[in-house]
């Protein structure tokens, strides 16, 4: 599995680099789900009923509006 570094701004306004493993480069939606699973495991299990199917990149928008976390970039390691 390939390792990917996802850079994001956390809820304290600090830039954070987290390493995740994935076969392919995750897009922003997949990266948002990976971040939620690691940093917010309870929130990751919640149903995004209001967003999924109606909004593109539902996890990205939820992560930003609910948790003030914004993805800056995804790079291979």
N, C-alpha and C. Protein backbone atom coordinates (compact mmCIF):
# COMPACT_ATOMS: atom_id res chain seq x y z
N UNK A 1 0.83 -1.18 0.00
CA UNK A 1 0.00 0.00 0.00
C UNK A 1 0.88 1.24 0.00
N UNK A 2 0.42 2.22 -0.73
CA UNK A 2 1.11 3.50 -0.83
C UNK A 2 0.76 4.36 0.39
N UNK A 3 1.72 5.15 0.84
CA UNK A 3 1.47 6.07 1.95
C UNK A 3 1.25 7.47 1.39
N UNK A 4 0.28 8.17 1.96
CA UNK A 4 -0.09 9.51 1.53
C UNK A 4 -0.09 10.44 2.72
N UNK A 5 0.47 11.63 2.55
CA UNK A 5 0.45 12.63 3.60
C UNK A 5 -0.67 13.62 3.27
N UNK A 6 -1.62 13.72 4.18
CA UNK A 6 -2.71 14.67 4.02
C UNK A 6 -2.44 15.85 4.94
N UNK A 7 -2.36 17.02 4.36
CA UNK A 7 -2.10 18.24 5.10
C UNK A 7 -3.42 18.99 5.25
N UNK A 8 -3.70 19.39 6.48
CA UNK A 8 -4.95 20.11 6.73
C UNK A 8 -4.79 21.08 7.88
N UNK A 9 -5.72 22.01 7.96
CA UNK A 9 -5.77 22.97 9.06
C UNK A 9 -6.78 22.41 10.06
N UNK A 10 -6.33 22.23 11.31
CA UNK A 10 -7.23 21.66 12.33
C UNK A 10 -8.11 22.74 12.95
N UNK A 11 -8.90 22.33 13.92
CA UNK A 11 -9.86 23.24 14.54
C UNK A 11 -9.20 24.32 15.40
N UNK A 12 -7.89 24.24 15.60
CA UNK A 12 -7.16 25.26 16.35
C UNK A 12 -6.41 26.20 15.40
N UNK A 13 -6.57 26.00 14.10
CA UNK A 13 -5.90 26.84 13.11
C UNK A 13 -4.48 26.44 12.82
N UNK A 14 -4.06 25.27 13.30
CA UNK A 14 -2.69 24.80 13.08
C UNK A 14 -2.65 23.85 11.89
N UNK A 15 -1.57 23.93 11.12
CA UNK A 15 -1.38 23.02 10.00
C UNK A 15 -0.87 21.68 10.52
N UNK A 16 -1.53 20.60 10.10
CA UNK A 16 -1.21 19.26 10.57
C UNK A 16 -0.95 18.36 9.37
N UNK A 17 0.05 17.47 9.47
CA UNK A 17 0.32 16.45 8.47
C UNK A 17 0.04 15.09 9.08
N UNK A 18 -0.84 14.32 8.46
CA UNK A 18 -1.16 12.96 8.91
C UNK A 18 -0.86 12.01 7.76
N UNK A 19 -0.32 10.85 8.08
CA UNK A 19 0.01 9.85 7.07
C UNK A 19 -1.06 8.76 7.08
N UNK A 20 -1.57 8.42 5.88
CA UNK A 20 -2.57 7.39 5.70
C UNK A 20 -2.10 6.44 4.61
N UNK A 21 -2.57 5.21 4.66
CA UNK A 21 -2.25 4.22 3.63
C UNK A 21 -3.45 4.00 2.75
N UNK A 22 -3.20 3.96 1.43
CA UNK A 22 -4.26 3.73 0.46
C UNK A 22 -3.61 3.25 -0.83
N UNK A 23 -4.31 2.39 -1.57
CA UNK A 23 -3.78 1.90 -2.84
C UNK A 23 -3.64 3.02 -3.86
N UNK A 24 -4.63 3.91 -3.89
CA UNK A 24 -4.62 5.02 -4.84
C UNK A 24 -4.67 6.34 -4.07
N UNK A 25 -4.31 7.40 -4.76
CA UNK A 25 -4.36 8.73 -4.14
C UNK A 25 -5.80 9.07 -3.77
N UNK A 26 -6.04 9.33 -2.49
CA UNK A 26 -7.41 9.67 -2.09
C UNK A 26 -7.79 11.06 -2.61
N UNK A 27 -9.04 11.21 -3.02
CA UNK A 27 -9.51 12.54 -3.38
C UNK A 27 -9.90 13.26 -2.09
N UNK A 28 -10.36 14.49 -2.19
CA UNK A 28 -10.68 15.25 -0.98
C UNK A 28 -11.78 14.59 -0.16
N UNK A 29 -12.77 14.00 -0.81
CA UNK A 29 -13.86 13.34 -0.09
C UNK A 29 -13.34 12.14 0.71
N UNK A 30 -12.51 11.31 0.08
CA UNK A 30 -11.92 10.16 0.78
C UNK A 30 -11.00 10.63 1.90
N UNK A 31 -10.23 11.68 1.64
CA UNK A 31 -9.33 12.22 2.67
C UNK A 31 -10.13 12.73 3.86
N UNK A 32 -11.25 13.37 3.61
CA UNK A 32 -12.09 13.87 4.70
C UNK A 32 -12.61 12.71 5.55
N UNK A 33 -13.00 11.62 4.91
CA UNK A 33 -13.46 10.45 5.67
C UNK A 33 -12.33 9.84 6.50
N UNK A 34 -11.12 9.78 5.93
CA UNK A 34 -9.97 9.24 6.67
C UNK A 34 -9.64 10.11 7.88
N UNK A 35 -9.68 11.41 7.71
CA UNK A 35 -9.40 12.33 8.83
C UNK A 35 -10.45 12.17 9.91
N UNK A 36 -11.71 12.10 9.51
CA UNK A 36 -12.79 11.94 10.49
C UNK A 36 -12.65 10.63 11.26
N UNK A 37 -12.30 9.55 10.56
CA UNK A 37 -12.14 8.25 11.23
C UNK A 37 -11.03 8.30 12.27
N UNK A 38 -9.95 9.01 11.98
CA UNK A 38 -8.82 9.06 12.90
C UNK A 38 -9.03 10.07 14.03
N UNK A 39 -9.49 11.28 13.70
CA UNK A 39 -9.58 12.35 14.69
C UNK A 39 -10.93 12.42 15.40
N UNK A 40 -11.98 12.02 14.71
CA UNK A 40 -13.34 12.14 15.23
C UNK A 40 -14.10 10.84 15.00
N UNK A 41 -13.69 9.75 15.67
CA UNK A 41 -14.27 8.44 15.38
C UNK A 41 -15.77 8.35 15.61
N UNK A 42 -16.29 9.06 16.58
CA UNK A 42 -17.74 9.04 16.82
C UNK A 42 -18.46 9.77 15.70
N UNK A 43 -17.97 10.93 15.33
CA UNK A 43 -18.59 11.71 14.26
C UNK A 43 -18.51 10.99 12.92
N UNK A 44 -17.47 10.19 12.72
CA UNK A 44 -17.32 9.45 11.47
C UNK A 44 -18.42 8.42 11.29
N UNK A 45 -19.01 7.96 12.37
CA UNK A 45 -20.05 6.95 12.29
C UNK A 45 -21.44 7.56 12.10
N UNK A 46 -21.57 8.87 12.25
CA UNK A 46 -22.87 9.52 12.11
C UNK A 46 -23.32 9.52 10.66
N UNK A 47 -24.60 9.48 10.46
CA UNK A 47 -25.20 9.48 9.14
C UNK A 47 -25.24 10.90 8.59
N UNK A 48 -24.75 11.08 7.37
CA UNK A 48 -24.78 12.40 6.74
C UNK A 48 -26.01 12.51 5.85
N UNK A 49 -27.12 12.05 6.34
CA UNK A 49 -28.38 12.02 5.61
C UNK A 49 -28.70 13.32 4.91
N UNK A 50 -28.47 14.42 5.58
CA UNK A 50 -28.83 15.71 5.01
C UNK A 50 -27.93 16.12 3.85
N UNK A 51 -26.73 15.55 3.77
CA UNK A 51 -25.78 15.96 2.75
C UNK A 51 -25.61 14.94 1.64
N UNK A 52 -25.47 13.66 1.99
CA UNK A 52 -25.16 12.65 0.99
C UNK A 52 -26.27 12.56 -0.05
N UNK A 53 -25.86 12.56 -1.30
CA UNK A 53 -26.80 12.48 -2.39
C UNK A 53 -27.29 13.84 -2.86
N UNK A 54 -27.25 14.83 -1.99
CA UNK A 54 -27.71 16.17 -2.36
C UNK A 54 -26.54 17.11 -2.59
N UNK A 55 -25.41 16.81 -2.00
CA UNK A 55 -24.26 17.71 -2.04
C UNK A 55 -23.01 16.95 -2.47
N UNK A 56 -22.30 17.51 -3.42
CA UNK A 56 -21.01 16.92 -3.79
C UNK A 56 -20.03 17.15 -2.64
N UNK A 57 -19.16 16.18 -2.39
CA UNK A 57 -18.16 16.28 -1.32
C UNK A 57 -18.79 16.54 0.04
N UNK A 58 -19.78 15.75 0.40
CA UNK A 58 -20.52 15.93 1.66
C UNK A 58 -19.60 15.87 2.88
N UNK A 59 -18.65 14.92 2.90
CA UNK A 59 -17.76 14.79 4.05
C UNK A 59 -16.82 15.98 4.18
N UNK A 60 -16.37 16.51 3.05
CA UNK A 60 -15.48 17.68 3.06
C UNK A 60 -16.22 18.88 3.66
N UNK A 61 -17.45 19.10 3.21
CA UNK A 61 -18.22 20.24 3.71
C UNK A 61 -18.59 20.06 5.18
N UNK A 62 -18.95 18.84 5.56
CA UNK A 62 -19.30 18.57 6.95
C UNK A 62 -18.09 18.78 7.86
N UNK A 63 -16.93 18.30 7.43
CA UNK A 63 -15.71 18.45 8.23
C UNK A 63 -15.38 19.92 8.44
N UNK A 64 -15.57 20.73 7.39
CA UNK A 64 -15.26 22.15 7.50
C UNK A 64 -16.29 22.91 8.33
N UNK A 65 -17.57 22.68 8.09
CA UNK A 65 -18.60 23.46 8.79
C UNK A 65 -18.78 23.01 10.23
N UNK A 66 -18.70 21.72 10.50
CA UNK A 66 -18.95 21.21 11.84
C UNK A 66 -17.70 21.18 12.72
N UNK A 67 -16.52 20.97 12.10
CA UNK A 67 -15.31 20.78 12.89
C UNK A 67 -14.19 21.77 12.56
N UNK A 68 -14.43 22.71 11.67
CA UNK A 68 -13.44 23.73 11.28
C UNK A 68 -12.13 23.12 10.80
N UNK A 69 -12.22 22.00 10.07
CA UNK A 69 -11.03 21.35 9.53
C UNK A 69 -11.08 21.47 8.01
N UNK A 70 -9.99 22.00 7.42
CA UNK A 70 -9.94 22.20 5.97
C UNK A 70 -8.73 21.48 5.40
N UNK A 71 -8.95 20.68 4.37
CA UNK A 71 -7.86 19.93 3.72
C UNK A 71 -7.10 20.89 2.79
N UNK A 72 -5.77 20.88 2.93
CA UNK A 72 -4.92 21.74 2.11
C UNK A 72 -4.27 20.99 0.96
N UNK A 73 -3.88 19.73 1.19
CA UNK A 73 -3.21 18.99 0.14
C UNK A 73 -3.00 17.53 0.47
N UNK A 74 -2.74 16.75 -0.59
CA UNK A 74 -2.49 15.31 -0.47
C UNK A 74 -1.26 15.01 -1.30
N UNK A 75 -0.21 14.47 -0.66
CA UNK A 75 1.03 14.17 -1.38
C UNK A 75 1.49 12.75 -1.06
N UNK A 76 2.11 12.08 -2.06
CA UNK A 76 2.65 10.74 -1.80
C UNK A 76 3.92 10.81 -0.97
N UNK A 77 4.17 9.75 -0.23
CA UNK A 77 5.39 9.67 0.58
C UNK A 77 6.29 8.60 -0.01
